C-alpha cells in the first residue's frame, strides 16, 4: 500500500530547527526502547510523539504552525509538478521582494522589550 504526506510550514530554516529539536527530545525519551543501528526516520519515529511535537509549536515570529496531512495512495505526477511549480513561483516572488529592499528577517518581539 502507498500513502504520502503533504505538509505546509513557514521558513525552511525554522522547520529544520523545530524538527531536529523535536526529534532529539523524542529520541532522548525513547532511551529504554531498543531501536539501535542505522534507521530511517520513518522507522525511528514510528509510533512516537514526533509529529505531534512539530505541529504543536508556532514559529518564532508568527502564529503559523507546521501542518501535516496524510493521504492515501501515491501522489499523481501532475500533483507533484504543480507543487514544485508553486514552490518555485513563491520562491521567485520572495527573491523579487528582497531585491526591492524588503527585510528578510525581523527581530523577535522579545528583543524590543529587553532594550
Foldseek 3Di string as FASTA:
>chain_A
DDKDKDKDAPDPVQLVVQLVVLLVVQVVVCPVDDPDDDDDPCVSCPPTCSVVSQQPDHGQADRIGMDMDMGDDDDDPVVVVVVVVVVVVVVVVVVVVVVVPDDPDDDGPVVVVVD
